Amino acid sequence: GEDSRSFHISIQGTPLSIASVGETYSVTAVAGGQLILECSEDAVPPPHIEWHWEGSPLREDARRRVLAEGRFLQIRAVGAADGGEYSCRATNALGDTSLRVQVEVHG
């Protein structure tokens, strides 16, 4: 079978620039806006998705929420402290894959 993967990053209400280097993406977000990262994996069976920030499991709070069983990471009222490396890891019985995105906050 073919191994296909896609990674989509979207941001609402603020400008966004994306640069892709290998499997690491770089995103520039504007302080005060909302950032939505999507870990889009169409694997069968459906994967278990985990989000990490700076190498540690992401802790959800009032501003950072994982939606749709891990497919989306929503960060509201983005601030300088939200910058850093985010990664999502999708795992199923056939293996796992991870993707990284470096977020820079300007504001």
PDB file of N, CA and C in Angstrom:
ATOM      1  N   GLY A   1       0.819  -1.206   0.000  1.00  0.00           N
ATOM      2  CA  GLY A   1       0.000   0.000   0.000  1.00  0.00           C
ATOM      3  C   GLY A   1       0.847   1.247   0.000  1.00  0.00           C
ATOM      4  N   GLU A   2       0.217   2.354  -0.273  1.00  0.00           N
ATOM      5  CA  GLU A   2       0.930   3.621  -0.304  1.00  0.00           C
ATOM      6  C   GLU A   2       0.840   4.310   1.042  1.00  0.00           C
ATOM      7  N   ASP A   3       1.931   4.974   1.411  1.00  0.00           N
ATOM      8  CA  ASP A   3       1.965   5.727   2.656  1.00  0.00           C
ATOM      9  C   ASP A   3       1.810   7.195   2.310  1.00  0.00           C
ATOM     10  N   SER A   4       0.624   7.722   2.518  1.00  0.00           N
ATOM     11  CA  SER A   4       0.408   9.131   2.208  1.00  0.00           C
ATOM     12  C   SER A   4       0.114   9.866   3.499  1.00  0.00           C
ATOM     13  N   ARG A   5       0.627  11.071   3.596  1.00  0.00           N
ATOM     14  CA  ARG A   5       0.369  11.862   4.784  1.00  0.00           C
ATOM     15  C   ARG A   5       0.197  13.312   4.364  1.00  0.00           C
ATOM     16  N   SER A   6      -0.640  14.002   5.103  1.00  0.00           N
ATOM     17  CA  SER A   6      -0.825  15.422   4.823  1.00  0.00           C
ATOM     18  C   SER A   6      -0.861  16.159   6.137  1.00  0.00           C
ATOM     19  N   PHE A   7      -0.405  17.375   6.123  1.00  0.00           N
ATOM     20  CA  PHE A   7      -0.373  18.182   7.337  1.00  0.00           C
ATOM     21  C   PHE A   7      -0.866  19.557   6.960  1.00  0.00           C
ATOM     22  N   HIS A   8      -1.942  19.969   7.603  1.00  0.00           N
ATOM     23  CA  HIS A   8      -2.531  21.254   7.261  1.00  0.00           C
ATOM     24  C   HIS A   8      -2.452  22.181   8.464  1.00  0.00           C
ATOM     25  N   ILE A   9      -2.132  23.407   8.213  1.00  0.00           N
ATOM     26  CA  ILE A   9      -2.084  24.396   9.273  1.00  0.00           C
ATOM     27  C   ILE A   9      -2.985  25.537   8.853  1.00  0.00           C
ATOM     28  N   SER A  10      -3.886  25.918   9.736  1.00  0.00           N
ATOM     29  CA  SER A  10      -4.739  27.049   9.405  1.00  0.00           C
ATOM     30  C   SER A  10      -4.775  27.996  10.583  1.00  0.00           C
ATOM     31  N   ILE A  11      -5.008  29.226  10.303  1.00  0.00           N
ATOM     32  CA  ILE A  11      -5.107  30.231  11.353  1.00  0.00           C
ATOM     33  C   ILE A  11      -6.288  31.104  11.003  1.00  0.00           C
ATOM     34  N   GLN A  12      -7.030  31.507  12.008  1.00  0.00           N
ATOM     35  CA  GLN A  12      -8.226  32.287  11.749  1.00  0.00           C
ATOM     36  C   GLN A  12      -8.044  33.711  12.252  1.00  0.00           C
ATOM     37  N   GLY A  13      -8.371  34.657  11.416  1.00  0.00           N
ATOM     38  CA  GLY A  13      -8.425  36.043  11.828  1.00  0.00           C
ATOM     39  C   GLY A  13      -7.119  36.802  11.776  1.00  0.00           C
ATOM     40  N   THR A  14      -6.018  36.117  11.478  1.00  0.00           N
ATOM     41  CA  THR A  14      -4.739  36.810  11.423  1.00  0.00           C
ATOM     42  C   THR A  14      -3.913  36.275  10.264  1.00  0.00           C
ATOM     43  N   PRO A  15      -2.972  37.044   9.771  1.00  0.00           N
ATOM     44  CA  PRO A  15      -2.135  36.576   8.659  1.00  0.00           C
ATOM     45  C   PRO A  15      -1.302  35.373   9.077  1.00  0.00           C
ATOM     46  N   LEU A  16      -0.928  34.571   8.111  1.00  0.00           N
ATOM     47  CA  LEU A  16      -0.163  33.364   8.386  1.00  0.00           C
ATOM     48  C   LEU A  16       0.854  33.139   7.276  1.00  0.00           C
ATOM     49  N   SER A  17       2.058  32.776   7.669  1.00  0.00           N
ATOM     50  CA  SER A  17       3.037  32.373   6.664  1.00  0.00           C
ATOM     51  C   SER A  17       3.575  31.014   7.065  1.00  0.00           C
ATOM     52  N   ILE A  18       3.733  30.149   6.093  1.00  0.00           N
ATOM     53  CA  ILE A  18       4.200  28.789   6.353  1.00  0.00           C
ATOM     54  C   ILE A  18       5.413  28.512   5.474  1.00  0.00           C
ATOM     55  N   ALA A  19       6.452  27.970   6.091  1.00  0.00           N
ATOM     56  CA  ALA A  19       7.610  27.517   5.331  1.00  0.00           C
ATOM     57  C   ALA A  19       7.831  26.061   5.694  1.00  0.00           C
ATOM     58  N   SER A  20       7.996  25.215   4.705  1.00  0.00           N
ATOM     59  CA  SER A  20       8.171  23.794   4.955  1.00  0.00           C
ATOM     60  C   SER A  20       9.617  23.404   4.706  1.00  0.00           C
ATOM     61  N   VAL A  21      10.239  22.784   5.703  1.00  0.00           N
ATOM     62  CA  VAL A  21      11.601  22.281   5.557  1.00  0.00           C
ATOM     63  C   VAL A  21      11.566  20.826   5.979  1.00  0.00           C
ATOM     64  N   GLY A  22      11.615  19.926   5.009  1.00  0.00           N
ATOM     65  CA  GLY A  22      11.478  18.512   5.326  1.00  0.00           C
ATOM     66  C   GLY A  22      10.106  18.267   5.927  1.00  0.00           C
ATOM     67  N   GLU A  23      10.079  17.697   7.129  1.00  0.00           N
ATOM     68  CA  GLU A  23       8.804  17.464   7.784  1.00  0.00           C
ATOM     69  C   GLU A  23       8.579  18.439   8.927  1.00  0.00           C
ATOM     70  N   THR A  24       9.410  19.481   9.005  1.00  0.00           N
ATOM     71  CA  THR A  24       9.193  20.497  10.024  1.00  0.00           C
ATOM     72  C   THR A  24       8.644  21.746   9.349  1.00  0.00           C
ATOM     73  N   TYR A  25       7.537  22.228   9.838  1.00  0.00           N
ATOM     74  CA  TYR A  25       6.914  23.416   9.280  1.00  0.00           C
ATOM     75  C   TYR A  25       7.175  24.592  10.204  1.00  0.00           C
ATOM     76  N   SER A  26       7.271  25.769   9.610  1.00  0.00           N
ATOM     77  CA  SER A  26       7.459  26.976  10.399  1.00  0.00           C
ATOM     78  C   SER A  26       6.251  27.880  10.184  1.00  0.00           C
ATOM     79  N   VAL A  27       5.656  28.308  11.284  1.00  0.00           N
ATOM     80  CA  VAL A  27       4.456  29.131  11.224  1.00  0.00           C
ATOM     81  C   VAL A  27       4.688  30.412  12.006  1.00  0.00           C
ATOM     82  N   THR A  28       4.274  31.521  11.418  1.00  0.00           N
ATOM     83  CA  THR A  28       4.326  32.793  12.118  1.00  0.00           C
ATOM     84  C   THR A  28       2.903  33.194  12.477  1.00  0.00           C
ATOM     85  N   ALA A  29       2.653  33.370  13.761  1.00  0.00           N
ATOM     86  CA  ALA A  29       1.327  33.765  14.229  1.00  0.00           C
ATOM     87  C   ALA A  29       1.413  35.176  14.808  1.00  0.00           C
ATOM     88  N   VAL A  30       0.290  35.855  14.817  1.00  0.00           N
ATOM     89  CA  VAL A  30       0.222  37.209  15.352  1.00  0.00           C
ATOM     90  C   VAL A  30      -0.383  37.168  16.744  1.00  0.00           C
ATOM     91  N   ALA A  31       0.271  37.823  17.695  1.00  0.00           N
ATOM     92  CA  ALA A  31      -0.197  37.833  19.078  1.00  0.00           C
ATOM     93  C   ALA A  31      -1.643  38.321  19.143  1.00  0.00           C
ATOM     94  N   GLY A  32      -2.428  37.653  19.966  1.00  0.00           N
ATOM     95  CA  GLY A  32      -3.826  38.024  20.153  1.00  0.00           C
ATOM     96  C   GLY A  32      -4.785  37.294  19.240  1.00  0.00           C
ATOM     97  N   GLY A  33      -4.265  36.625  18.222  1.00  0.00           N
ATOM     98  CA  GLY A  33      -5.119  35.904  17.282  1.00  0.00           C
ATOM     99  C   GLY A  33      -5.364  34.479  17.741  1.00  0.00           C
ATOM    100  N   GLN A  34      -5.971  33.697  16.867  1.00  0.00           N
ATOM    101  CA  GLN A  34      -6.245  32.295  17.146  1.00  0.00           C
ATOM    102  C   GLN A  34      -5.467  31.437  16.163  1.00  0.00           C
ATOM    103  N   LEU A  35      -4.857  30.392  16.665  1.00  0.00           N
ATOM    104  CA  LEU A  35      -4.085  29.482  15.830  1.00  0.00           C
ATOM    105  C   LEU A  35      -4.723  28.103  15.908  1.00  0.00           C
ATOM    106  N   ILE A  36      -4.952  27.500  14.733  1.00  0.00           N
ATOM    107  CA  ILE A  36      -5.472  26.134  14.703  1.00  0.00           C
ATOM    108  C   ILE A  36      -4.498  25.282  13.897  1.00  0.00           C
ATOM    109  N   LEU A  37      -3.955  24.265  14.538  1.00  0.00           N
ATOM    110  CA  LEU A  37      -3.071  23.328  13.859  1.00  0.00           C
ATOM    111  C   LEU A  37      -3.861  22.050  13.627  1.00  0.00           C
ATOM    112  N   GLU A  38      -3.706  21.483  12.437  1.00  0.00           N
ATOM    113  CA  GLU A  38      -4.442  20.260  12.101  1.00  0.00           C
ATOM    114  C   GLU A  38      -3.466  19.133  11.830  1.00  0.00           C
ATOM    115  N   CYS A  39      -3.686  18.031  12.502  1.00  0.00           N
ATOM    116  CA  CYS A  39      -2.902  16.826  12.257  1.00  0.00           C
ATOM    117  C   CYS A  39      -3.803  15.897  11.466  1.00  0.00           C
ATOM    118  N   SER A  40      -3.717  15.973  10.159  1.00  0.00           N
ATOM    119  CA  SER A  40      -4.640  15.251   9.294  1.00  0.00           C
ATOM    120  C   SER A  40      -4.032  13.919   8.884  1.00  0.00           C
ATOM    121  N   GLU A  41      -4.517  12.860   9.468  1.00  0.00           N
ATOM    122  CA  GLU A  41      -4.042  11.516   9.132  1.00  0.00           C
ATOM    123  C   GLU A  41      -5.230  10.681   8.684  1.00  0.00           C
ATOM    124  N   ASP A  42      -5.149  10.153   7.471  1.00  0.00           N
ATOM    125  CA  ASP A  42      -6.242   9.357   6.926  1.00  0.00           C
ATOM    126  C   ASP A  42      -5.941   7.863   7.014  1.00  0.00           C
ATOM    127  N   ALA A  43      -5.200   7.473   8.044  1.00  0.00           N
ATOM    128  CA  ALA A  43      -4.785   6.077   8.172  1.00  0.00           C
ATOM    129  C   ALA A  43      -5.958   5.178   8.529  1.00  0.00           C
ATOM    130  N   VAL A  44      -5.809   3.905   8.146  1.00  0.00           N
ATOM    131  CA  VAL A  44      -6.782   2.883   8.519  1.00  0.00           C
ATOM    132  C   VAL A  44      -5.998   1.752   9.185  1.00  0.00           C
ATOM    133  N   PRO A  45      -6.352   1.362  10.411  1.00  0.00           N
ATOM    134  CA  PRO A  45      -7.428   1.925  11.245  1.00  0.00           C
ATOM    135  C   PRO A  45      -7.111   3.342  11.719  1.00  0.00           C
ATOM    136  N   PRO A  46      -8.141   4.100  12.113  1.00  0.00           N
ATOM    137  CA  PRO A  46      -7.928   5.485  12.535  1.00  0.00           C
ATOM    138  C   PRO A  46      -6.898   5.549  13.659  1.00  0.00           C
ATOM    139  N   PRO A  47      -5.982   6.490  13.587  1.00  0.00           N
ATOM    140  CA  PRO A  47      -4.905   6.548  14.569  1.00  0.00           C
ATOM    141  C   PRO A  47      -5.310   7.242  15.864  1.00  0.00           C
ATOM    142  N   HIS A  48      -4.514   6.967  16.888  1.00  0.00           N
ATOM    143  CA  HIS A  48      -4.589   7.722  18.143  1.00  0.00           C
ATOM    144  C   HIS A  48      -3.614   8.882  17.988  1.00  0.00           C
ATOM    145  N   ILE A  49      -4.071  10.095  18.222  1.00  0.00           N
ATOM    146  CA  ILE A  49      -3.231  11.275  17.986  1.00  0.00           C
ATOM    147  C   ILE A  49      -2.889  11.953  19.303  1.00  0.00           C
ATOM    148  N   GLU A  50      -1.604  12.232  19.479  1.00  0.00           N
ATOM    149  CA  GLU A  50      -1.132  12.942  20.666  1.00  0.00           C
ATOM    150  C   GLU A  50      -0.417  14.209  20.231  1.00  0.00           C
ATOM    151  N   TRP A  51      -0.622  15.284  20.974  1.00  0.00           N
ATOM    152  CA  TRP A  51       0.067  16.547  20.715  1.00  0.00           C
ATOM    153  C   TRP A  51       1.135  16.790  21.779  1.00  0.00           C
ATOM    154  N   HIS A  52       2.273  17.312  21.329  1.00  0.00           N
ATOM    155  CA  HIS A  52       3.355  17.664  22.244  1.00  0.00           C
ATOM    156  C   HIS A  52       3.774  19.104  21.995  1.00  0.00           C
ATOM    157  N   TRP A  53       4.288  19.731  23.021  1.00  0.00           N
ATOM    158  CA  TRP A  53       4.841  21.087  22.911  1.00  0.00           C
ATOM    159  C   TRP A  53       6.199  21.071  23.580  1.00  0.00           C
ATOM    160  N   GLU A  54       7.218  21.479  22.822  1.00  0.00           N
ATOM    161  CA  GLU A  54       8.594  21.499  23.330  1.00  0.00           C
ATOM    162  C   GLU A  54       8.983  20.127  23.906  1.00  0.00           C
ATOM    163  N   GLY A  55       8.504  19.063  23.257  1.00  0.00           N
ATOM    164  CA  GLY A  55       8.919  17.716  23.630  1.00  0.00           C
ATOM    165  C   GLY A  55       8.137  17.067  24.754  1.00  0.00           C
ATOM    166  N   SER A  56       7.213  17.795  25.370  1.00  0.00           N
ATOM    167  CA  SER A  56       6.415  17.240  26.466  1.00  0.00           C
ATOM    168  C   SER A  56       4.949  17.173  26.051  1.00  0.00           C
ATOM    169  N   PRO A  57       4.195  16.229  26.613  1.00  0.00           N
ATOM    170  CA  PRO A  57       2.766  16.153  26.282  1.00  0.00           C
ATOM    171  C   PRO A  57       2.085  17.496  26.525  1.00  0.00           C
ATOM    172  N   LEU A  58       1.284  17.897  25.568  1.00  0.00           N
ATOM    173  CA  LEU A  58       0.605  19.192  25.672  1.00  0.00           C
ATOM    174  C   LEU A  58      -0.450  19.147  26.765  1.00  0.00           C
ATOM    175  N   ARG A  59      -0.443  20.156  27.613  1.00  0.00           N
ATOM    176  CA  ARG A  59      -1.466  20.263  28.653  1.00  0.00           C
ATOM    177  C   ARG A  59      -2.544  21.220  28.162  1.00  0.00           C
ATOM    178  N   GLU A  60      -3.751  20.724  28.132  1.00  0.00           N
ATOM    179  CA  GLU A  60      -4.863  21.578  27.708  1.00  0.00           C
ATOM    180  C   GLU A  60      -5.233  22.531  28.835  1.00  0.00           C
ATOM    181  N   ASP A  61      -5.663  23.729  28.451  1.00  0.00           N
ATOM    182  CA  ASP A  61      -6.137  24.694  29.431  1.00  0.00           C
ATOM    183  C   ASP A  61      -7.229  25.533  28.784  1.00  0.00           C
ATOM    184  N   ALA A  62      -7.525  26.675  29.357  1.00  0.00           N
ATOM    185  CA  ALA A  62      -8.625  27.495  28.842  1.00  0.00           C
ATOM    186  C   ALA A  62      -8.341  27.991  27.426  1.00  0.00           C
ATOM    187  N   ARG A  63      -7.074  28.133  27.068  1.00  0.00           N
ATOM    188  CA  ARG A  63      -6.732  28.661  25.744  1.00  0.00           C
ATOM    189  C   ARG A  63      -6.275  27.595  24.763  1.00  0.00           C
ATOM    190  N   ARG A  64      -5.723  26.507  25.253  1.00  0.00           N
ATOM    191  CA  ARG A  64      -5.204  25.458  24.375  1.00  0.00           C
ATOM    192  C   ARG A  64      -6.075  24.216  24.508  1.00  0.00           C
ATOM    193  N   ARG A  65      -6.755  23.879  23.402  1.00  0.00           N
ATOM    194  CA  ARG A  65      -7.665  22.740  23.425  1.00  0.00           C
ATOM    195  C   ARG A  65      -7.406  21.817  22.246  1.00  0.00           C
ATOM    196  N   VAL A  66      -7.508  20.533  22.506  1.00  0.00           N
ATOM    197  CA  VAL A  66      -7.395  19.519  21.459  1.00  0.00           C
ATOM    198  C   VAL A  66      -8.814  19.117  21.089  1.00  0.00           C
ATOM    199  N   LEU A  67      -9.126  19.202  19.792  1.00  0.00           N
ATOM    200  CA  LEU A  67     -10.476  18.967  19.303  1.00  0.00           C
ATOM    201  C   LEU A  67     -10.518  17.785  18.339  1.00  0.00           C
ATOM    202  N   ALA A  68     -11.721  17.265  18.126  1.00  0.00           N
ATOM    203  CA  ALA A  68     -11.972  16.207  17.129  1.00  0.00           C
ATOM    204  C   ALA A  68     -11.040  15.010  17.328  1.00  0.00           C
ATOM    205  N   GLU A  69     -10.976  14.527  18.566  1.00  0.00           N
ATOM    206  CA  GLU A  69     -10.176  13.337  18.899  1.00  0.00           C
ATOM    207  C   GLU A  69      -8.708  13.506  18.530  1.00  0.00           C
ATOM    208  N   GLY A  70      -8.214  14.732  18.654  1.00  0.00           N
ATOM    209  CA  GLY A  70      -6.796  14.979  18.428  1.00  0.00           C
ATOM    210  C   GLY A  70      -6.453  15.583  17.087  1.00  0.00           C
ATOM    211  N   ARG A  71      -7.418  15.628  16.195  1.00  0.00           N
ATOM    212  CA  ARG A  71      -7.095  16.112  14.858  1.00  0.00           C
ATOM    213  C   ARG A  71      -6.704  17.599  14.843  1.00  0.00           C
ATOM    214  N   PHE A  72      -7.323  18.383  15.725  1.00  0.00           N
ATOM    215  CA  PHE A  72      -7.037  19.813  15.749  1.00  0.00           C
ATOM    216  C   PHE A  72      -6.490  20.245  17.100  1.00  0.00           C
ATOM    217  N   LEU A  73      -5.569  21.194  17.063  1.00  0.00           N
ATOM    218  CA  LEU A  73      -5.109  21.878  18.262  1.00  0.00           C
ATOM    219  C   LEU A  73      -5.473  23.346  18.095  1.00  0.00           C
ATOM    220  N   GLN A  74      -6.291  23.850  19.010  1.00  0.00           N
ATOM    221  CA  GLN A  74      -6.744  25.243  18.940  1.00  0.00           C
ATOM    222  C   GLN A  74      -6.067  26.032  20.052  1.00  0.00           C
ATOM    223  N   ILE A  75      -5.430  27.148  19.666  1.00  0.00           N
ATOM    224  CA  ILE A  75      -4.829  28.051  20.651  1.00  0.00           C
ATOM    225  C   ILE A  75      -5.487  29.406  20.474  1.00  0.00           C
ATOM    226  N   ARG A  76      -6.157  29.871  21.508  1.00  0.00           N
ATOM    227  CA  ARG A  76      -6.829  31.162  21.445  1.00  0.00           C
ATOM    228  C   ARG A  76      -5.983  32.210  22.148  1.00  0.00           C
ATOM    229  N   ALA A  77      -6.150  33.470  21.721  1.00  0.00           N
ATOM    230  CA  ALA A  77      -5.418  34.591  22.323  1.00  0.00           C
ATOM    231  C   ALA A  77      -3.936  34.262  22.395  1.00  0.00           C
ATOM    232  N   VAL A  78      -3.362  33.978  21.221  1.00  0.00           N
ATOM    233  CA  VAL A  78      -1.964  33.570  21.128  1.00  0.00           C
ATOM    234  C   VAL A  78      -1.060  34.634  21.762  1.00  0.00           C
ATOM    235  N   GLY A  79      -0.107  34.171  22.552  1.00  0.00           N
ATOM    236  CA  GLY A  79       0.852  35.074  23.175  1.00  0.00           C
ATOM    237  C   GLY A  79       2.266  34.593  22.935  1.00  0.00           C
ATOM    238  N   ALA A  80       3.240  35.404  23.293  1.00  0.00           N
ATOM    239  CA  ALA A  80       4.642  35.059  23.064  1.00  0.00           C
ATOM    240  C   ALA A  80       5.004  33.713  23.698  1.00  0.00           C
ATOM    241  N   ALA A  81       4.396  33.404  24.844  1.00  0.00           N
ATOM    242  CA  ALA A  81       4.713  32.159  25.547  1.00  0.00           C
ATOM    243  C   ALA A  81       4.222  30.926  24.796  1.00  0.00           C
ATOM    244  N   ASP A  82       3.370  31.112  23.776  1.00  0.00           N
ATOM    245  CA  ASP A  82       2.862  29.980  23.005  1.00  0.00           C
ATOM    246  C   ASP A  82       3.812  29.557  21.898  1.00  0.00           C
ATOM    247  N   GLY A  83       4.861  30.328  21.677  1.00  0.00           N
ATOM    248  CA  GLY A  83       5.818  29.971  20.638  1.00  0.00           C
ATOM    249  C   GLY A  83       6.576  28.707  21.001  1.00  0.00           C
ATOM    250  N   GLY A  84       7.161  28.073  20.009  1.00  0.00           N
ATOM    251  CA  GLY A  84       7.950  26.870  20.250  1.00  0.00           C
ATOM    252  C   GLY A  84       7.580  25.780  19.278  1.00  0.00           C
ATOM    253  N   GLU A  85       8.080  24.582  19.546  1.00  0.00           N
ATOM    254  CA  GLU A  85       7.847  23.465  18.640  1.00  0.00           C
ATOM    255  C   GLU A  85       6.663  22.623  19.096  1.00  0.00           C
ATOM    256  N   TYR A  86       5.694  22.507  18.218  1.00  0.00           N
ATOM    257  CA  TYR A  86       4.542  21.644  18.454  1.00  0.00           C
ATOM    258  C   TYR A  86       4.702  20.417  17.563  1.00  0.00           C
ATOM    259  N   SER A  87       4.246  19.286  18.046  1.00  0.00           N
ATOM    260  CA  SER A  87       4.287  18.085  17.213  1.00  0.00           C
ATOM    261  C   SER A  87       3.047  17.254  17.475  1.00  0.00           C
ATOM    262  N   CYS A  88       2.617  16.562  16.440  1.00  0.00           N
ATOM    263  CA  CYS A  88       1.530  15.608  16.625  1.00  0.00           C
ATOM    264  C   CYS A  88       2.053  14.245  16.205  1.00  0.00           C
ATOM    265  N   ARG A  89       1.637  13.237  16.966  1.00  0.00           N
ATOM    266  CA  ARG A  89       2.051  11.873  16.679  1.00  0.00           C
ATOM    267  C   ARG A  89       0.808  11.023  16.517  1.00  0.00           C
ATOM    268  N   ALA A  90       0.715  10.400  15.371  1.00  0.00           N
ATOM    269  CA  ALA A  90      -0.434   9.540  15.077  1.00  0.00           C
ATOM    270  C   ALA A  90       0.041   8.090  15.110  1.00  0.00           C
ATOM    271  N   THR A  91      -0.631   7.278  15.912  1.00  0.00           N
ATOM    272  CA  THR A  91      -0.225   5.883  16.098  1.00  0.00           C
ATOM    273  C   THR A  91      -1.411   4.956  15.870  1.00  0.00           C
ATOM    274  N   ASN A  92      -1.184   3.881  15.094  1.00  0.00           N
ATOM    275  CA  ASN A  92      -2.184   2.819  15.008  1.00  0.00           C
ATOM    276  C   ASN A  92      -1.458   1.480  14.956  1.00  0.00           C
ATOM    277  N   ALA A  93      -2.187   0.409  14.714  1.00  0.00           N
ATOM    278  CA  ALA A  93      -1.598  -0.927  14.772  1.00  0.00           C
ATOM    279  C   ALA A  93      -0.483  -1.128  13.737  1.00  0.00           C
ATOM    280  N   LEU A  94      -0.467  -0.302  12.713  1.00  0.00           N
ATOM    281  CA  LEU A  94       0.505  -0.475  11.635  1.00  0.00           C
ATOM    282  C   LEU A  94       1.766   0.362  11.831  1.00  0.00           C
ATOM    283  N   GLY A  95       1.783   1.210  12.858  1.00  0.00           N
ATOM    284  CA  GLY A  95       2.971   2.032  13.079  1.00  0.00           C
ATOM    285  C   GLY A  95       2.595   3.422  13.543  1.00  0.00           C
ATOM    286  N   ASP A  96       3.544   4.328  13.432  1.00  0.00           N
ATOM    287  CA  ASP A  96       3.255   5.697  13.849  1.00  0.00           C
ATOM    288  C   ASP A  96       4.011   6.684  12.979  1.00  0.00           C
ATOM    289  N   THR A  97       3.539   7.895  12.968  1.00  0.00           N
ATOM    290  CA  THR A  97       4.196   8.967  12.236  1.00  0.00           C
ATOM    291  C   THR A  97       4.055  10.240  13.049  1.00  0.00           C
ATOM    292  N   SER A  98       5.033  11.112  12.947  1.00  0.00           N
ATOM    293  CA  SER A  98       4.933  12.366  13.681  1.00  0.00           C
ATOM    294  C   SER A  98       5.322  13.518  12.763  1.00  0.00           C
ATOM    295  N   LEU A  99       4.724  14.648  13.026  1.00  0.00           N
ATOM    296  CA  LEU A  99       4.992  15.853  12.260  1.00  0.00           C
ATOM    297  C   LEU A  99       5.228  16.990  13.229  1.00  0.00           C
ATOM    298  N   ARG A 100       6.138  17.894  12.848  1.00  0.00           N
ATOM    299  CA  ARG A 100       6.493  19.000  13.728  1.00  0.00           C
ATOM    300  C   ARG A 100       6.211  20.335  13.079  1.00  0.00           C
ATOM    301  N   VAL A 101       5.859  21.294  13.905  1.00  0.00           N
ATOM    302  CA  VAL A 101       5.647  22.661  13.419  1.00  0.00           C
ATOM    303  C   VAL A 101       6.261  23.624  14.428  1.00  0.00           C
ATOM    304  N   GLN A 102       7.089  24.522  13.929  1.00  0.00           N
ATOM    305  CA  GLN A 102       7.713  25.535  14.768  1.00  0.00           C
ATOM    306  C   GLN A 102       6.871  26.792  14.694  1.00  0.00           C
ATOM    307  N   VAL A 103       6.362  27.241  15.830  1.00  0.00           N
ATOM    308  CA  VAL A 103       5.498  28.410  15.872  1.00  0.00           C
ATOM    309  C   VAL A 103       6.268  29.596  16.433  1.00  0.00           C
ATOM    310  N   GLU A 104       6.241  30.689  15.684  1.00  0.00           N
ATOM    311  CA  GLU A 104       6.824  31.939  16.139  1.00  0.00           C
ATOM    312  C   GLU A 104       5.694  32.937  16.287  1.00  0.00           C
ATOM    313  N   VAL A 105       5.701  33.670  17.392  1.00  0.00           N
ATOM    314  CA  VAL A 105       4.655  34.648  17.648  1.00  0.00           C
ATOM    315  C   VAL A 105       5.230  36.038  17.516  1.00  0.00           C
ATOM    316  N   HIS A 106       4.589  36.846  16.679  1.00  0.00           N
ATOM    317  CA  HIS A 106       4.991  38.233  16.497  1.00  0.00           C
ATOM    318  C   HIS A 106       3.861  39.118  16.989  1.00  0.00           C
ATOM    319  N   GLY A 107       4.195  40.197  17.617  1.00  0.00           N
ATOM    320  CA  GLY A 107       3.063  40.983  18.035  1.00  0.00           C
ATOM    321  C   GLY A 107       3.442  42.293  18.643  1.00  0.00           C
TER     322      GLY A 107
END
